[in-house]
Amino acid sequence: MDIGKQHTKTTQLVQRFLGLLENQFPAQRNHHLERRPSYYAECLKVHVNYLNKVLKRHLGKTTTQMISESVFREAKRLLRETPWSVTEIAFTLGFSEPNHFSHFFKKREGRSPVQFRGE
C-alpha cells in the first residue's frame, strides 16, 4: 500500500474513532458511557494497539487519553448543569465506584467534584 493510501486510511480511522467517542455525549442517565479502549477498537474492527499507534501519530494522544479527556469535560458539564448526585454522575460516566470517579476528577482538576460544584 502506498503512503498516500495508508495516510488516508489512518485519517479515516481517527475520524471514525472521534465520531464514536463524540456519540457517547452528552451522557444520559441510566446509559453508562463506554470507557474501554478495547470497545472502540472492536467497533472499528482494529486491534487496540493499532488504534493507539494511529491516534498517537495523528493526535499525539492514546485512546485512553482521548477518552479520559472527553469524560473529564463531560464530568465538568454534568457537575455544572445538572442536579445529579456525584454518585449518579460517576455511574453514568462508566465508573464502577464513586470514589474512583472522585479520584479521577481530583487528579485532573485539583479539587473534588463536590468542591468543583460548590465554587
Protein backbone atom coordinates (compact mmCIF):
# COMPACT_ATOMS: atom_id res chain seq x y z
CA MET A 1 0.00 0.00 0.00
CA ASP A 2 1.39 3.38 -0.91
CA ILE A 3 1.97 6.12 1.67
CA GLY A 4 -0.96 8.29 0.47
CA LYS A 5 -3.50 5.47 0.76
CA GLN A 6 -2.14 4.47 4.17
CA HIS A 7 -2.40 8.09 5.40
CA THR A 8 -5.99 8.33 4.12
CA LYS A 9 -6.86 5.02 5.81
CA THR A 10 -5.43 6.09 9.16
CA THR A 11 -7.01 9.55 8.91
CA GLN A 12 -10.37 7.89 8.34
CA LEU A 13 -9.78 5.62 11.34
CA VAL A 14 -9.07 8.67 13.52
CA GLN A 15 -12.24 10.37 12.27
CA ARG A 16 -14.32 7.25 12.89
CA PHE A 17 -12.89 6.94 16.42
CA LEU A 18 -13.64 10.59 17.17
CA GLY A 19 -17.18 10.09 15.86
CA LEU A 20 -17.73 7.06 18.10
CA LEU A 21 -16.37 8.95 21.09
CA GLU A 22 -18.47 12.02 20.34
CA ASN A 23 -21.61 9.88 20.08
CA GLN A 24 -21.17 8.93 23.74
CA PHE A 25 -22.05 12.52 24.67
CA PRO A 26 -23.96 14.15 26.13
CA ALA A 27 -24.13 11.49 28.82
CA GLN A 28 -27.62 10.34 29.74
CA ARG A 29 -28.95 8.92 32.97
CA ASN A 30 -29.12 5.13 33.03
CA HIS A 31 -26.92 4.91 29.94
CA HIS A 32 -23.38 4.12 31.00
CA LEU A 33 -20.60 5.66 28.99
CA GLU A 34 -18.13 3.25 27.43
CA ARG A 35 -14.59 3.98 28.63
CA ARG A 36 -12.69 0.87 27.50
CA PRO A 37 -10.26 1.42 24.61
CA SER A 38 -10.93 -2.17 23.52
CA TYR A 39 -14.60 -1.29 22.97
CA TYR A 40 -13.65 1.38 20.43
CA ALA A 41 -11.10 -0.88 18.75
CA GLU A 42 -13.72 -3.64 18.43
CA CYS A 43 -16.24 -1.21 16.92
CA LEU A 44 -13.60 -0.06 14.43
CA LYS A 45 -12.51 -3.64 13.73
CA VAL A 46 -8.85 -3.00 14.57
CA HIS A 47 -6.54 -4.14 17.34
CA VAL A 48 -6.37 -1.77 20.30
CA ASN A 49 -2.59 -1.44 19.90
CA TYR A 50 -3.03 -0.33 16.30
CA LEU A 51 -5.69 2.20 17.32
CA ASN A 52 -3.35 3.59 19.98
CA LYS A 53 -0.49 3.84 17.48
CA VAL A 54 -2.63 5.67 14.91
CA LEU A 55 -4.11 8.08 17.46
CA LYS A 56 -0.70 8.80 18.94
CA ARG A 57 0.70 9.54 15.49
CA HIS A 58 -2.21 11.74 14.35
CA LEU A 59 -3.33 13.39 17.61
CA GLY A 60 -0.36 12.94 19.92
CA LYS A 61 -2.54 11.06 22.43
CA THR A 62 -3.51 7.47 23.16
CA THR A 63 -7.03 6.07 23.09
CA THR A 64 -7.15 6.17 26.89
CA GLN A 65 -6.02 9.80 26.97
CA MET A 66 -8.65 10.82 24.41
CA ILE A 67 -11.40 9.01 26.30
CA SER A 68 -10.28 10.45 29.65
CA GLU A 69 -10.24 13.99 28.30
CA SER A 70 -13.77 13.59 26.95
CA VAL A 71 -15.02 12.03 30.17
CA PHE A 72 -13.46 14.84 32.19
CA ARG A 73 -15.09 17.53 30.03
CA GLU A 74 -18.43 15.78 30.38
CA ALA A 75 -17.97 15.40 34.15
CA LYS A 76 -17.46 19.13 34.49
CA ARG A 77 -20.50 19.81 32.33
CA LEU A 78 -22.69 17.45 34.36
CA LEU A 79 -21.49 18.95 37.64
CA ARG A 80 -22.27 22.47 36.39
CA GLU A 81 -25.51 21.83 34.52
CA THR A 82 -27.36 19.01 36.27
CA PRO A 83 -28.68 18.38 39.76
CA TRP A 84 -27.43 14.78 39.57
CA SER A 85 -25.53 13.50 42.57
CA VAL A 86 -21.82 12.77 42.26
CA THR A 87 -22.71 9.07 42.52
CA GLU A 88 -25.16 9.33 39.60
CA ILE A 89 -22.56 11.17 37.54
CA ALA A 90 -19.90 8.58 38.39
CA PHE A 91 -22.06 5.65 37.28
CA THR A 92 -23.26 7.47 34.17
CA LEU A 93 -19.67 8.14 33.16
CA GLY A 94 -18.82 4.46 33.49
CA PHE A 95 -17.09 4.38 36.87
CA SER A 96 -17.82 1.29 38.95
CA GLU A 97 -17.32 3.19 42.20
CA PRO A 98 -17.99 6.85 43.03
CA ASN A 99 -14.63 7.12 44.80
CA HIS A 100 -12.88 6.11 41.53
CA PHE A 101 -14.65 8.99 39.82
CA SER A 102 -13.71 11.40 42.61
CA HIS A 103 -10.06 10.35 42.37
CA PHE A 104 -10.13 10.66 38.54
CA PHE A 105 -11.68 14.13 38.80
CA LYS A 106 -9.44 15.42 41.58
CA LYS A 107 -6.31 14.24 39.77
CA ARG A 108 -7.23 16.40 36.78
CA GLU A 109 -8.96 19.36 38.43
CA GLY A 110 -7.02 19.62 41.69
CA ARG A 111 -10.22 19.54 43.72
CA SER A 112 -13.05 17.10 44.31
CA PRO A 113 -16.28 17.05 42.28
CA VAL A 114 -18.12 18.41 45.33
CA GLN A 115 -15.63 21.29 45.65
CA PHE A 116 -15.87 21.99 41.92
CA ARG A 117 -19.66 22.10 42.06
CA GLY A 118 -19.67 24.34 45.13
CA GLU A 119 -17.38 27.03 43.75
